[in-house]
All heavy atoms as atom14 arrays in JSON, in Angstrom:
{
  "sequence": "PVKSWTTEPGNWWIENVQIASGDYDGNGRSDV",
  "atom14_mask": [
    [1, 1, 1, 1, 1, 1, 1, 0, 0, 0, 0, 0, 0, 0],
    [1, 1, 1, 1, 1, 1, 1, 0, 0, 0, 0, 0, 0, 0],
    [1, 1, 1, 1, 1, 1, 1, 1, 1, 0, 0, 0, 0, 0],
    [1, 1, 1, 1, 1, 1, 0, 0, 0, 0, 0, 0, 0, 0],
    [1, 1, 1, 1, 1, 1, 1, 1, 1, 1, 1, 1, 1, 1],
    [1, 1, 1, 1, 1, 1, 1, 0, 0, 0, 0, 0, 0, 0],
    [1, 1, 1, 1, 1, 1, 1, 0, 0, 0, 0, 0, 0, 0],
    [1, 1, 1, 1, 1, 1, 1, 1, 1, 0, 0, 0, 0, 0],
    [1, 1, 1, 1, 1, 1, 1, 0, 0, 0, 0, 0, 0, 0],
    [1, 1, 1, 1, 0, 0, 0, 0, 0, 0, 0, 0, 0, 0],
    [1, 1, 1, 1, 1, 1, 1, 1, 0, 0, 0, 0, 0, 0],
    [1, 1, 1, 1, 1, 1, 1, 1, 1, 1, 1, 1, 1, 1],
    [1, 1, 1, 1, 1, 1, 1, 1, 1, 1, 1, 1, 1, 1],
    [1, 1, 1, 1, 1, 1, 1, 1, 0, 0, 0, 0, 0, 0],
    [1, 1, 1, 1, 1, 1, 1, 1, 1, 0, 0, 0, 0, 0],
    [1, 1, 1, 1, 1, 1, 1, 1, 0, 0, 0, 0, 0, 0],
    [1, 1, 1, 1, 1, 1, 1, 0, 0, 0, 0, 0, 0, 0],
    [1, 1, 1, 1, 1, 1, 1, 1, 1, 0, 0, 0, 0, 0],
    [1, 1, 1, 1, 1, 1, 1, 1, 0, 0, 0, 0, 0, 0],
    [1, 1, 1, 1, 1, 0, 0, 0, 0, 0, 0, 0, 0, 0],
    [1, 1, 1, 1, 1, 1, 0, 0, 0, 0, 0, 0, 0, 0],
    [1, 1, 1, 1, 0, 0, 0, 0, 0, 0, 0, 0, 0, 0],
    [1, 1, 1, 1, 1, 1, 1, 1, 0, 0, 0, 0, 0, 0],
    [1, 1, 1, 1, 1, 1, 1, 1, 1, 1, 1, 1, 0, 0],
    [1, 1, 1, 1, 1, 1, 1, 1, 0, 0, 0, 0, 0, 0],
    [1, 1, 1, 1, 0, 0, 0, 0, 0, 0, 0, 0, 0, 0],
    [1, 1, 1, 1, 1, 1, 1, 1, 0, 0, 0, 0, 0, 0],
    [1, 1, 1, 1, 0, 0, 0, 0, 0, 0, 0, 0, 0, 0],
    [1, 1, 1, 1, 1, 1, 1, 1, 1, 1, 1, 0, 0, 0],
    [1, 1, 1, 1, 1, 1, 0, 0, 0, 0, 0, 0, 0, 0],
    [1, 1, 1, 1, 1, 1, 1, 1, 0, 0, 0, 0, 0, 0],
    [1, 1, 1, 1, 1, 1, 1, 0, 0, 0, 0, 0, 0, 0]
  ],
  "atom14_positions": [
    [[10.11, -2.34, -11.38], [9.51, -2.06, -10.09], [10.5, -2.26, -8.94], [11.4, -3.09, -9.03], [8.37, -3.09, -10.0], [8.84, -4.23, -10.82], [9.62, -3.59, -11.94], [0.0, 0.0, 0.0], [0.0, 0.0, 0.0], [0.0, 0.0, 0.0], [0.0, 0.0, 0.0], [0.0, 0.0, 0.0], [0.0, 0.0, 0.0], [0.0, 0.0, 0.0]],
    [[10.3, -1.47, -7.9], [11.1, -1.61, -6.67], [10.17, -2.1, -5.57], [9.14, -1.45, -5.28], [11.73, -0.25, -6.27], [12.45, -0.36, -4.94], [12.67, 0.22, -7.37], [0.0, 0.0, 0.0], [0.0, 0.0, 0.0], [0.0, 0.0, 0.0], [0.0, 0.0, 0.0], [0.0, 0.0, 0.0], [0.0, 0.0, 0.0], [0.0, 0.0, 0.0]],
    [[10.5, -3.25, -4.99], [9.69, -3.78, -3.88], [10.14, -3.13, -2.61], [11.32, -3.12, -2.26], [9.88, -5.3, -3.78], [9.08, -5.91, -2.66], [9.05, -7.44, -2.58], [10.23, -8.15, -3.04], [10.17, -9.6, -2.76], [0.0, 0.0, 0.0], [0.0, 0.0, 0.0], [0.0, 0.0, 0.0], [0.0, 0.0, 0.0], [0.0, 0.0, 0.0]],
    [[9.16, -2.54, -1.87], [9.57, -1.82, -0.66], [8.83, -2.28, 0.6], [9.25, -1.9, 1.67], [9.38, -0.32, -0.85], [8.06, -0.01, -1.23], [0.0, 0.0, 0.0], [0.0, 0.0, 0.0], [0.0, 0.0, 0.0], [0.0, 0.0, 0.0], [0.0, 0.0, 0.0], [0.0, 0.0, 0.0], [0.0, 0.0, 0.0], [0.0, 0.0, 0.0]],
    [[7.79, -3.06, 0.46], [7.08, -3.57, 1.65], [6.57, -4.96, 1.34], [6.1, -5.24, 0.25], [5.89, -2.67, 1.99], [5.07, -3.17, 3.13], [5.33, -3.08, 4.46], [3.84, -3.93, 3.03], [4.35, -3.71, 5.2], [3.41, -4.23, 4.34], [3.08, -4.39, 1.95], [2.27, -4.96, 4.6], [1.92, -5.09, 2.22], [1.53, -5.37, 3.54]],
    [[6.7, -5.84, 2.33], [6.2, -7.21, 2.21], [5.62, -7.64, 3.54], [6.19, -7.33, 4.59], [7.32, -8.18, 1.8], [7.82, -7.78, 0.51], [6.83, -9.61, 1.72], [0.0, 0.0, 0.0], [0.0, 0.0, 0.0], [0.0, 0.0, 0.0], [0.0, 0.0, 0.0], [0.0, 0.0, 0.0], [0.0, 0.0, 0.0], [0.0, 0.0, 0.0]],
    [[4.52, -8.38, 3.49], [4.0, -9.0, 4.68], [4.23, -10.52, 4.58], [4.31, -11.05, 3.46], [2.5, -8.7, 4.89], [2.09, -9.24, 6.14], [1.64, -9.25, 3.78], [0.0, 0.0, 0.0], [0.0, 0.0, 0.0], [0.0, 0.0, 0.0], [0.0, 0.0, 0.0], [0.0, 0.0, 0.0], [0.0, 0.0, 0.0], [0.0, 0.0, 0.0]],
    [[4.35, -11.15, 5.68], [4.65, -12.57, 5.73], [3.47, -13.39, 5.16], [2.33, -12.95, 5.21], [4.93, -13.02, 7.16], [6.2, -12.39, 7.75], [7.45, -12.76, 6.98], [7.6, -13.96, 6.61], [8.26, -11.87, 6.73], [0.0, 0.0, 0.0], [0.0, 0.0, 0.0], [0.0, 0.0, 0.0], [0.0, 0.0, 0.0], [0.0, 0.0, 0.0]],
    [[3.74, -14.59, 4.68], [2.68, -15.46, 4.18], [1.56, -15.68, 5.22], [1.83, -15.83, 6.39], [3.39, -16.79, 3.9], [4.82, -16.39, 3.65], [5.06, -15.23, 4.56], [0.0, 0.0, 0.0], [0.0, 0.0, 0.0], [0.0, 0.0, 0.0], [0.0, 0.0, 0.0], [0.0, 0.0, 0.0], [0.0, 0.0, 0.0], [0.0, 0.0, 0.0]],
    [[0.33, -15.64, 4.72], [-0.83, -15.9, 5.57], [-1.36, -14.7, 6.32], [-2.41, -14.8, 6.94], [0.0, 0.0, 0.0], [0.0, 0.0, 0.0], [0.0, 0.0, 0.0], [0.0, 0.0, 0.0], [0.0, 0.0, 0.0], [0.0, 0.0, 0.0], [0.0, 0.0, 0.0], [0.0, 0.0, 0.0], [0.0, 0.0, 0.0], [0.0, 0.0, 0.0]],
    [[-0.69, -13.55, 6.28], [-1.18, -12.35, 6.97], [-2.28, -11.65, 6.19], [-3.28, -11.23, 6.78], [-0.04, -11.38, 7.24], [0.83, -11.82, 8.38], [0.45, -12.64, 9.22], [2.06, -11.31, 8.4], [0.0, 0.0, 0.0], [0.0, 0.0, 0.0], [0.0, 0.0, 0.0], [0.0, 0.0, 0.0], [0.0, 0.0, 0.0], [0.0, 0.0, 0.0]],
    [[-2.08, -11.42, 4.94], [-3.04, -10.75, 4.07], [-3.24, -11.62, 2.83], [-2.31, -12.27, 2.37], [-2.52, -9.39, 3.6], [-2.62, -8.27, 4.57], [-2.73, -8.32, 5.91], [-2.58, -6.89, 4.23], [-2.78, -7.07, 6.44], [-2.7, -6.15, 5.43], [-2.49, -6.19, 3.04], [-2.69, -4.77, 5.47], [-2.5, -4.8, 3.08], [-2.61, -4.1, 4.3]],
    [[-4.43, -11.56, 2.28], [-4.75, -12.22, 1.01], [-5.18, -11.13, 0.04], [-5.98, -10.26, 0.37], [-5.83, -13.27, 1.2], [-5.39, -14.34, 2.14], [-5.62, -14.4, 3.49], [-4.55, -15.46, 1.84], [-4.98, -15.49, 4.05], [-4.34, -16.17, 3.04], [-3.97, -15.94, 0.66], [-3.56, -17.32, 3.11], [-3.2, -17.08, 0.74], [-3.01, -17.76, 1.93]],
    [[-4.65, -11.17, -1.18], [-4.84, -10.1, -2.16], [-6.34, -9.87, -2.48], [-6.75, -8.75, -2.69], [-4.03, -10.33, -3.46], [-3.92, -9.05, -4.28], [-4.56, -11.49, -4.25], [-3.13, -7.94, -3.67], [0.0, 0.0, 0.0], [0.0, 0.0, 0.0], [0.0, 0.0, 0.0], [0.0, 0.0, 0.0], [0.0, 0.0, 0.0], [0.0, 0.0, 0.0]],
    [[-7.13, -10.9, -2.44], [-8.56, -10.73, -2.77], [-9.32, -9.96, -1.67], [-10.43, -9.5, -1.9], [-9.24, -12.07, -3.05], [-9.2, -13.05, -1.92], [-7.96, -13.96, -1.94], [-7.02, -13.72, -2.71], [-7.95, -14.91, -1.15], [0.0, 0.0, 0.0], [0.0, 0.0, 0.0], [0.0, 0.0, 0.0], [0.0, 0.0, 0.0], [0.0, 0.0, 0.0]],
    [[-8.71, -9.75, -0.51], [-9.35, -9.04, 0.58], [-8.92, -7.58, 0.71], [-9.31, -6.9, 1.66], [-9.07, -9.74, 1.92], [-9.69, -11.11, 1.98], [-10.42, -11.52, 1.1], [-9.39, -11.84, 3.03], [0.0, 0.0, 0.0], [0.0, 0.0, 0.0], [0.0, 0.0, 0.0], [0.0, 0.0, 0.0], [0.0, 0.0, 0.0], [0.0, 0.0, 0.0]],
    [[-8.09, -7.09, -0.2], [-7.56, -5.73, -0.09], [-7.95, -4.91, -1.31], [-8.03, -5.42, -2.42], [-6.02, -5.75, 0.11], [-5.3, -6.28, -1.1], [-5.48, -4.38, 0.48], [0.0, 0.0, 0.0], [0.0, 0.0, 0.0], [0.0, 0.0, 0.0], [0.0, 0.0, 0.0], [0.0, 0.0, 0.0], [0.0, 0.0, 0.0], [0.0, 0.0, 0.0]],
    [[-8.25, -3.64, -1.07], [-8.5, -2.63, -2.1], [-7.52, -1.48, -1.85], [-7.3, -1.13, -0.68], [-9.95, -2.11, -2.04], [-10.99, -3.18, -2.21], [-11.0, -3.73, -3.63], [-10.76, -3.03, -4.6], [-11.26, -5.02, -3.73], [0.0, 0.0, 0.0], [0.0, 0.0, 0.0], [0.0, 0.0, 0.0], [0.0, 0.0, 0.0], [0.0, 0.0, 0.0]],
    [[-6.95, -0.91, -2.92], [-6.01, 0.2, -2.72], [-6.41, 1.41, -3.56], [-7.1, 1.29, -4.57], [-4.55, -0.23, -3.06], [-4.39, -0.65, -4.51], [-4.1, -1.32, -2.11], [-2.93, -0.9, -4.92], [0.0, 0.0, 0.0], [0.0, 0.0, 0.0], [0.0, 0.0, 0.0], [0.0, 0.0, 0.0], [0.0, 0.0, 0.0], [0.0, 0.0, 0.0]],
    [[-5.98, 2.57, -3.1], [-6.2, 3.85, -3.77], [-5.04, 4.77, -3.37], [-4.31, 4.49, -2.41], [-7.53, 4.47, -3.39], [0.0, 0.0, 0.0], [0.0, 0.0, 0.0], [0.0, 0.0, 0.0], [0.0, 0.0, 0.0], [0.0, 0.0, 0.0], [0.0, 0.0, 0.0], [0.0, 0.0, 0.0], [0.0, 0.0, 0.0], [0.0, 0.0, 0.0]],
    [[-4.89, 5.87, -4.09], [-3.81, 6.8, -3.82], [-4.34, 8.21, -3.6], [-5.37, 8.6, -4.17], [-2.81, 6.87, -4.99], [-2.1, 5.66, -5.09], [0.0, 0.0, 0.0], [0.0, 0.0, 0.0], [0.0, 0.0, 0.0], [0.0, 0.0, 0.0], [0.0, 0.0, 0.0], [0.0, 0.0, 0.0], [0.0, 0.0, 0.0], [0.0, 0.0, 0.0]],
    [[-3.64, 8.97, -2.78], [-3.93, 10.38, -2.53], [-2.89, 10.92, -1.56], [-2.2, 10.17, -0.88], [0.0, 0.0, 0.0], [0.0, 0.0, 0.0], [0.0, 0.0, 0.0], [0.0, 0.0, 0.0], [0.0, 0.0, 0.0], [0.0, 0.0, 0.0], [0.0, 0.0, 0.0], [0.0, 0.0, 0.0], [0.0, 0.0, 0.0], [0.0, 0.0, 0.0]],
    [[-2.76, 12.24, -1.5], [-1.81, 12.87, -0.58], [-2.54, 13.07, 0.74], [-3.08, 14.13, 1.03], [-1.31, 14.18, -1.14], [-0.25, 14.84, -0.27], [0.14, 14.23, 0.77], [0.18, 15.93, -0.6], [0.0, 0.0, 0.0], [0.0, 0.0, 0.0], [0.0, 0.0, 0.0], [0.0, 0.0, 0.0], [0.0, 0.0, 0.0], [0.0, 0.0, 0.0]],
    [[-2.54, 12.05, 1.58], [-3.37, 12.04, 2.79], [-2.74, 12.85, 3.92], [-3.46, 13.26, 4.84], [-3.62, 10.61, 3.27], [-4.22, 9.76, 2.17], [-3.61, 8.61, 1.71], [-5.42, 10.15, 1.55], [-4.17, 7.84, 0.71], [-5.99, 9.38, 0.54], [-5.35, 8.22, 0.13], [-5.89, 7.47, -0.87], [0.0, 0.0, 0.0], [0.0, 0.0, 0.0]],
    [[-1.44, 13.11, 3.89], [-0.81, 13.88, 4.96], [-0.35, 15.27, 4.51], [0.23, 16.03, 5.27], [0.36, 13.13, 5.57], [1.42, 12.74, 4.57], [1.37, 13.16, 3.4], [2.34, 11.97, 4.96], [0.0, 0.0, 0.0], [0.0, 0.0, 0.0], [0.0, 0.0, 0.0], [0.0, 0.0, 0.0], [0.0, 0.0, 0.0], [0.0, 0.0, 0.0]],
    [[-0.62, 15.65, 3.24], [-0.36, 16.98, 2.76], [1.12, 17.33, 2.55], [1.47, 18.5, 2.52], [0.0, 0.0, 0.0], [0.0, 0.0, 0.0], [0.0, 0.0, 0.0], [0.0, 0.0, 0.0], [0.0, 0.0, 0.0], [0.0, 0.0, 0.0], [0.0, 0.0, 0.0], [0.0, 0.0, 0.0], [0.0, 0.0, 0.0], [0.0, 0.0, 0.0]],
    [[1.98, 16.33, 2.38], [3.41, 16.6, 2.24], [3.86, 16.72, 0.78], [5.05, 16.85, 0.53], [4.23, 15.54, 2.96], [4.19, 14.18, 2.29], [3.42, 13.96, 1.35], [4.96, 13.25, 2.81], [0.0, 0.0, 0.0], [0.0, 0.0, 0.0], [0.0, 0.0, 0.0], [0.0, 0.0, 0.0], [0.0, 0.0, 0.0], [0.0, 0.0, 0.0]],
    [[2.94, 16.69, -0.16], [3.32, 16.84, -1.58], [3.62, 15.53, -2.27], [3.91, 15.52, -3.46], [0.0, 0.0, 0.0], [0.0, 0.0, 0.0], [0.0, 0.0, 0.0], [0.0, 0.0, 0.0], [0.0, 0.0, 0.0], [0.0, 0.0, 0.0], [0.0, 0.0, 0.0], [0.0, 0.0, 0.0], [0.0, 0.0, 0.0], [0.0, 0.0, 0.0]],
    [[3.56, 14.42, -1.56], [3.77, 13.09, -2.17], [2.51, 12.26, -1.89], [1.96, 12.25, -0.81], [4.99, 12.38, -1.57], [6.3, 13.02, -1.92], [7.47, 12.14, -1.58], [7.5, 11.65, -0.21], [8.12, 12.27, 0.81], [8.76, 13.4, 0.61], [8.09, 11.73, 2.01], [0.0, 0.0, 0.0], [0.0, 0.0, 0.0], [0.0, 0.0, 0.0]],
    [[2.08, 11.55, -2.92], [0.92, 10.64, -2.76], [1.27, 9.5, -1.84], [2.4, 9.03, -1.8], [0.48, 10.09, -4.12], [0.03, 11.14, -4.95], [0.0, 0.0, 0.0], [0.0, 0.0, 0.0], [0.0, 0.0, 0.0], [0.0, 0.0, 0.0], [0.0, 0.0, 0.0], [0.0, 0.0, 0.0], [0.0, 0.0, 0.0], [0.0, 0.0, 0.0]],
    [[0.26, 9.05, -1.11], [0.36, 7.87, -0.25], [-0.56, 6.79, -0.87], [-1.37, 7.1, -1.73], [-0.14, 8.21, 1.17], [0.51, 9.46, 1.73], [1.73, 9.49, 1.86], [-0.21, 10.44, 1.99], [0.0, 0.0, 0.0], [0.0, 0.0, 0.0], [0.0, 0.0, 0.0], [0.0, 0.0, 0.0], [0.0, 0.0, 0.0], [0.0, 0.0, 0.0]],
    [[-0.44, 5.58, -0.39], [-1.34, 4.5, -0.8], [-2.18, 4.14, 0.39], [-1.65, 3.89, 1.48], [-0.56, 3.28, -1.32], [-1.5, 2.07, -1.53], [0.19, 3.62, -2.62], [0.0, 0.0, 0.0], [0.0, 0.0, 0.0], [0.0, 0.0, 0.0], [0.0, 0.0, 0.0], [0.0, 0.0, 0.0], [0.0, 0.0, 0.0], [0.0, 0.0, 0.0]]
  ]
}
């Protein structure tokens, strides 16, 4: 894996986030 984004401690908690993927801007690459 390549780590590309990190938030500082205490900003987000993993149990409070849900993720999904789709090409939301229509550029041919999926976004999260």
